[in-house]
Amino acid sequence: MPLRRPLLLSGALALALAAPWVQAAKDDRQKPLNLVFDKEGEVDKVKQRAEFNGNVILTKGSLMLRAERMDVQETKDGYYLAYANGVPSRQVQFRQDRDTPGERIEGRADQIEYDTRSETIRLIGNAEAKVMRGDQLMQTMAGATLNYDNRTERLLVETGANSPHPSGRGRVVLMPKNVPAEPASAASAPLGLRPSLNLTPRQTP
């Protein structure tokens, strides 16, 4: 059986990792789902299910999912479940802005599941996610599966054969938030001039 070990990040480390995800743009919750696609689409009102194919793009406010194929199901209480699948040459892409201006979350995986009711996002198979501030990388996470629950502020990284890293290992990289300025080197410091107390005036012949 393939190696599969869930790593639950809790305590101080969990807070450090979860913080960039916690503050995903709050306005997104109230925005409608929009879908565009290149190939055929089918909507079954009886089964409350829709299927879309060919460069499918789902948006909900700043949240965006891009996949080759996507199934969307409506629950009895009016929420939606989206199941996005990629192809070998292109994974499913995920992106969402944060409330902090200029910051965003980006992710990719072989499959992505999105639940509007529980506000959870599940990246499945060769999953990677990163937090960006403009062009600056803040954090990266990778594993066989990445699960984030926005309500409980917890991130679950699962290792296993479908991890993008060798031997099924997971990976988390935390970039320093505050890098201290390097002190000026002695060679670059200006030289102070002081009068000599040991020199005597030169005698004129």
Protein backbone atom coordinates (compact mmCIF):
# COMPACT_ATOMS: atom_id res chain seq x y z
CA MET A 1 0.00 0.00 0.00
CA PRO A 2 1.31 3.53 -0.71
CA LEU A 3 2.70 5.51 2.17
CA ARG A 4 0.08 7.90 3.55
CA ARG A 5 0.73 9.79 6.77
CA PRO A 6 -1.40 12.81 7.66
CA LEU A 7 0.44 15.60 9.41
CA LEU A 8 -1.85 17.85 11.40
CA LEU A 9 -0.28 21.23 11.92
CA SER A 10 -1.47 22.68 15.20
CA GLY A 11 -0.32 25.06 17.91
CA ALA A 12 2.10 27.85 17.02
CA LEU A 13 3.20 26.22 13.78
CA ALA A 14 -0.39 25.71 12.66
CA LEU A 15 -1.18 29.34 13.36
CA ALA A 16 1.87 30.45 11.43
CA LEU A 17 0.83 28.37 8.42
CA ALA A 18 -2.89 28.96 8.66
CA ALA A 19 -2.76 32.72 9.07
CA PRO A 20 -2.33 33.52 5.35
CA TRP A 21 -5.26 31.23 4.53
CA VAL A 22 -7.53 32.40 7.33
CA GLN A 23 -8.02 35.87 5.92
CA ALA A 24 -9.09 34.90 2.42
CA ALA A 25 -11.28 37.67 1.06
CA LYS A 26 -14.46 37.64 3.17
CA ASP A 27 -16.55 39.20 0.41
CA ASP A 28 -16.12 36.02 -1.66
CA ARG A 29 -18.63 34.16 0.53
CA GLN A 30 -21.52 36.28 -0.71
CA LYS A 31 -20.59 36.27 -4.40
CA PRO A 32 -22.30 34.04 -7.02
CA LEU A 33 -20.62 31.15 -8.83
CA ASN A 34 -19.71 31.88 -12.45
CA LEU A 35 -18.54 29.23 -14.95
CA VAL A 36 -17.15 29.55 -18.47
CA PHE A 37 -15.99 26.63 -20.64
CA ASP A 38 -14.94 25.74 -24.19
CA LYS A 39 -16.70 22.43 -24.82
CA GLU A 40 -20.08 20.94 -23.99
CA GLY A 41 -21.84 21.61 -20.70
CA GLU A 42 -24.86 19.92 -19.19
CA VAL A 43 -27.17 21.09 -16.40
CA ASP A 44 -29.55 18.58 -14.79
CA LYS A 45 -32.08 20.51 -12.69
CA VAL A 46 -33.71 17.33 -11.36
CA LYS A 47 -30.45 15.95 -9.97
CA GLN A 48 -29.16 19.45 -9.13
CA ARG A 49 -25.93 18.67 -10.97
CA ALA A 50 -23.96 20.32 -13.77
CA GLU A 51 -20.99 19.11 -15.82
CA PHE A 52 -18.61 21.30 -17.82
CA ASN A 53 -15.66 20.45 -20.09
CA GLY A 54 -12.76 22.17 -21.82
CA ASN A 55 -10.75 24.85 -20.02
CA VAL A 56 -13.41 25.33 -17.36
CA ILE A 57 -13.03 28.45 -15.20
CA LEU A 58 -15.05 28.80 -12.00
CA THR A 59 -15.01 32.14 -10.19
CA LYS A 60 -16.62 33.25 -6.93
CA GLY A 61 -15.47 36.74 -6.12
CA SER A 62 -11.66 36.64 -6.15
CA LEU A 63 -11.62 32.83 -5.92
CA MET A 64 -10.76 31.08 -9.19
CA LEU A 65 -10.56 27.41 -10.19
CA ARG A 66 -9.32 26.42 -13.66
CA ALA A 67 -9.66 22.78 -14.80
CA GLU A 68 -10.20 20.64 -17.87
CA ARG A 69 -13.37 19.14 -16.41
CA MET A 70 -15.62 20.18 -13.54
CA ASP A 71 -18.73 18.78 -11.85
CA VAL A 72 -20.83 21.13 -9.72
CA GLN A 73 -23.54 19.81 -7.39
CA GLU A 74 -26.09 21.86 -5.49
CA THR A 75 -26.96 20.69 -1.98
CA LYS A 76 -30.48 20.70 -0.55
CA ASP A 77 -29.66 23.77 1.55
CA GLY A 78 -28.49 25.77 -1.46
CA TYR A 79 -24.71 25.40 -1.26
CA TYR A 80 -22.39 24.02 -3.95
CA LEU A 81 -19.78 21.28 -4.22
CA ALA A 82 -17.29 21.61 -7.08
CA TYR A 83 -15.11 18.71 -8.24
CA ALA A 84 -12.37 19.86 -10.62
CA ASN A 85 -10.13 17.51 -12.59
CA GLY A 86 -7.03 18.25 -14.64
CA VAL A 87 -5.14 16.35 -17.34
CA PRO A 88 -1.59 14.92 -17.25
CA SER A 89 -0.21 17.96 -19.05
CA ARG A 90 -2.04 20.52 -16.88
CA GLN A 91 -3.13 20.37 -13.26
CA VAL A 92 -6.10 22.14 -11.72
CA GLN A 93 -5.19 25.72 -10.79
CA PHE A 94 -6.48 27.57 -7.73
CA ARG A 95 -6.19 31.22 -6.75
CA GLN A 96 -7.79 33.53 -4.18
CA ASP A 97 -7.05 37.01 -2.86
CA ARG A 98 -6.58 37.79 0.83
CA ASP A 99 -8.12 40.64 2.75
CA THR A 100 -4.59 42.04 3.04
CA PRO A 101 -4.09 44.17 -0.10
CA GLY A 102 -1.59 42.70 -2.55
CA GLU A 103 -1.59 39.20 -1.06
CA ARG A 104 -3.02 36.06 -2.64
CA ILE A 105 -3.05 32.28 -2.35
CA GLU A 106 -2.14 30.10 -5.33
CA GLY A 107 -2.34 26.32 -5.56
CA ARG A 108 -2.37 23.41 -7.98
CA ALA A 109 -3.12 19.69 -7.86
CA ASP A 110 -4.36 16.80 -10.00
CA GLN A 111 -7.82 17.31 -8.48
CA ILE A 112 -9.41 20.00 -6.33
CA GLU A 113 -12.63 19.80 -4.31
CA TYR A 114 -14.33 23.00 -3.16
CA ASP A 115 -17.25 23.13 -0.70
CA THR A 116 -19.00 26.50 -0.36
CA ARG A 117 -20.93 25.41 2.73
CA SER A 118 -18.01 24.29 4.91
CA GLU A 119 -15.58 26.68 3.22
CA THR A 120 -13.07 23.90 2.70
CA ILE A 121 -10.67 23.36 -0.17
CA ARG A 122 -9.02 20.00 -0.78
CA LEU A 123 -6.07 19.73 -3.17
CA ILE A 124 -5.53 16.08 -4.16
CA GLY A 125 -2.51 14.53 -5.89
CA ASN A 126 0.86 16.29 -6.31
CA ALA A 127 -0.58 19.20 -4.36
CA GLU A 128 1.29 22.46 -3.94
CA ALA A 129 0.23 25.82 -2.54
CA LYS A 130 1.98 29.13 -1.95
CA VAL A 131 1.24 32.50 -0.43
CA MET A 132 2.38 35.51 -2.46
CA ARG A 133 2.72 39.19 -1.61
CA GLY A 134 3.00 40.82 -5.00
CA ASP A 135 5.92 38.98 -6.61
CA GLN A 136 7.39 37.98 -3.24
CA LEU A 137 7.02 34.37 -2.06
CA MET A 138 5.89 34.18 1.59
CA GLN A 139 5.16 30.46 2.22
CA THR A 140 5.01 27.18 0.31
CA MET A 141 3.39 23.84 1.18
CA ALA A 142 3.42 20.53 -0.72
CA GLY A 143 2.20 16.99 -0.17
CA ALA A 144 0.04 14.22 -1.56
CA THR A 145 -3.03 16.12 -0.30
CA LEU A 146 -3.57 19.55 1.20
CA ASN A 147 -6.77 20.17 3.18
CA TYR A 148 -7.73 23.56 4.50
CA ASP A 149 -10.74 24.32 6.69
CA ASN A 150 -11.37 28.05 6.76
CA ARG A 151 -13.75 27.83 9.75
CA THR A 152 -11.43 25.97 12.12
CA GLU A 153 -8.28 27.60 10.73
CA ARG A 154 -6.50 24.26 10.39
CA LEU A 155 -4.36 22.90 7.60
CA LEU A 156 -3.78 19.17 7.10
CA VAL A 157 -0.84 18.07 4.97
CA GLU A 158 -0.92 14.40 3.96
CA THR A 159 2.20 12.66 2.73
CA GLY A 160 2.15 9.67 0.39
CA ALA A 161 2.96 8.32 -3.04
CA ASN A 162 1.14 11.21 -4.73
CA SER A 163 3.38 13.84 -3.17
CA PRO A 164 5.42 15.91 -5.65
CA HIS A 165 8.53 15.29 -3.54
CA PRO A 166 10.69 12.13 -3.51
CA SER A 167 9.72 9.22 -1.26
CA GLY A 168 6.28 10.70 -0.67
CA ARG A 169 7.55 13.32 1.74
CA GLY A 170 5.68 16.51 2.56
CA ARG A 171 7.30 19.93 2.57
CA VAL A 172 6.66 23.29 4.24
CA VAL A 173 8.81 26.38 3.72
CA LEU A 174 8.35 29.46 5.92
CA MET A 175 10.02 32.60 4.64
CA PRO A 176 11.32 35.08 7.23
CA LYS A 177 8.87 37.92 7.82
CA ASN A 178 11.37 40.42 9.16
CA VAL A 179 14.94 40.27 7.86
CA PRO A 180 17.25 42.49 9.97
CA ALA A 181 19.28 45.00 8.04
CA GLU A 182 22.95 44.08 7.78
CA PRO A 183 25.28 46.47 9.65
CA ALA A 184 27.70 48.48 7.55
CA SER A 185 31.07 46.77 7.25
CA ALA A 186 34.16 48.32 8.80
CA ALA A 187 35.70 48.80 5.35
CA SER A 188 32.80 50.92 4.21
CA ALA A 189 32.59 53.07 7.35
CA PRO A 190 33.94 56.62 6.93
CA LEU A 191 37.31 57.30 8.56
CA GLY A 192 37.37 59.89 11.31
CA LEU A 193 40.13 62.52 11.19
CA ARG A 194 41.77 63.50 14.47
CA PRO A 195 44.64 65.94 15.12
CA SER A 196 47.90 64.32 16.16
CA LEU A 197 49.20 65.11 19.63
CA ASN A 198 52.73 63.82 18.96
CA LEU A 199 53.84 65.86 15.96
CA THR A 200 55.96 69.02 16.41
CA PRO A 201 55.98 71.91 13.97
CA ARG A 202 58.60 71.64 11.21
CA GLN A 203 61.53 74.06 11.68
CA THR A 204 62.29 76.40 8.78
CA PRO A 205 66.08 76.47 7.93
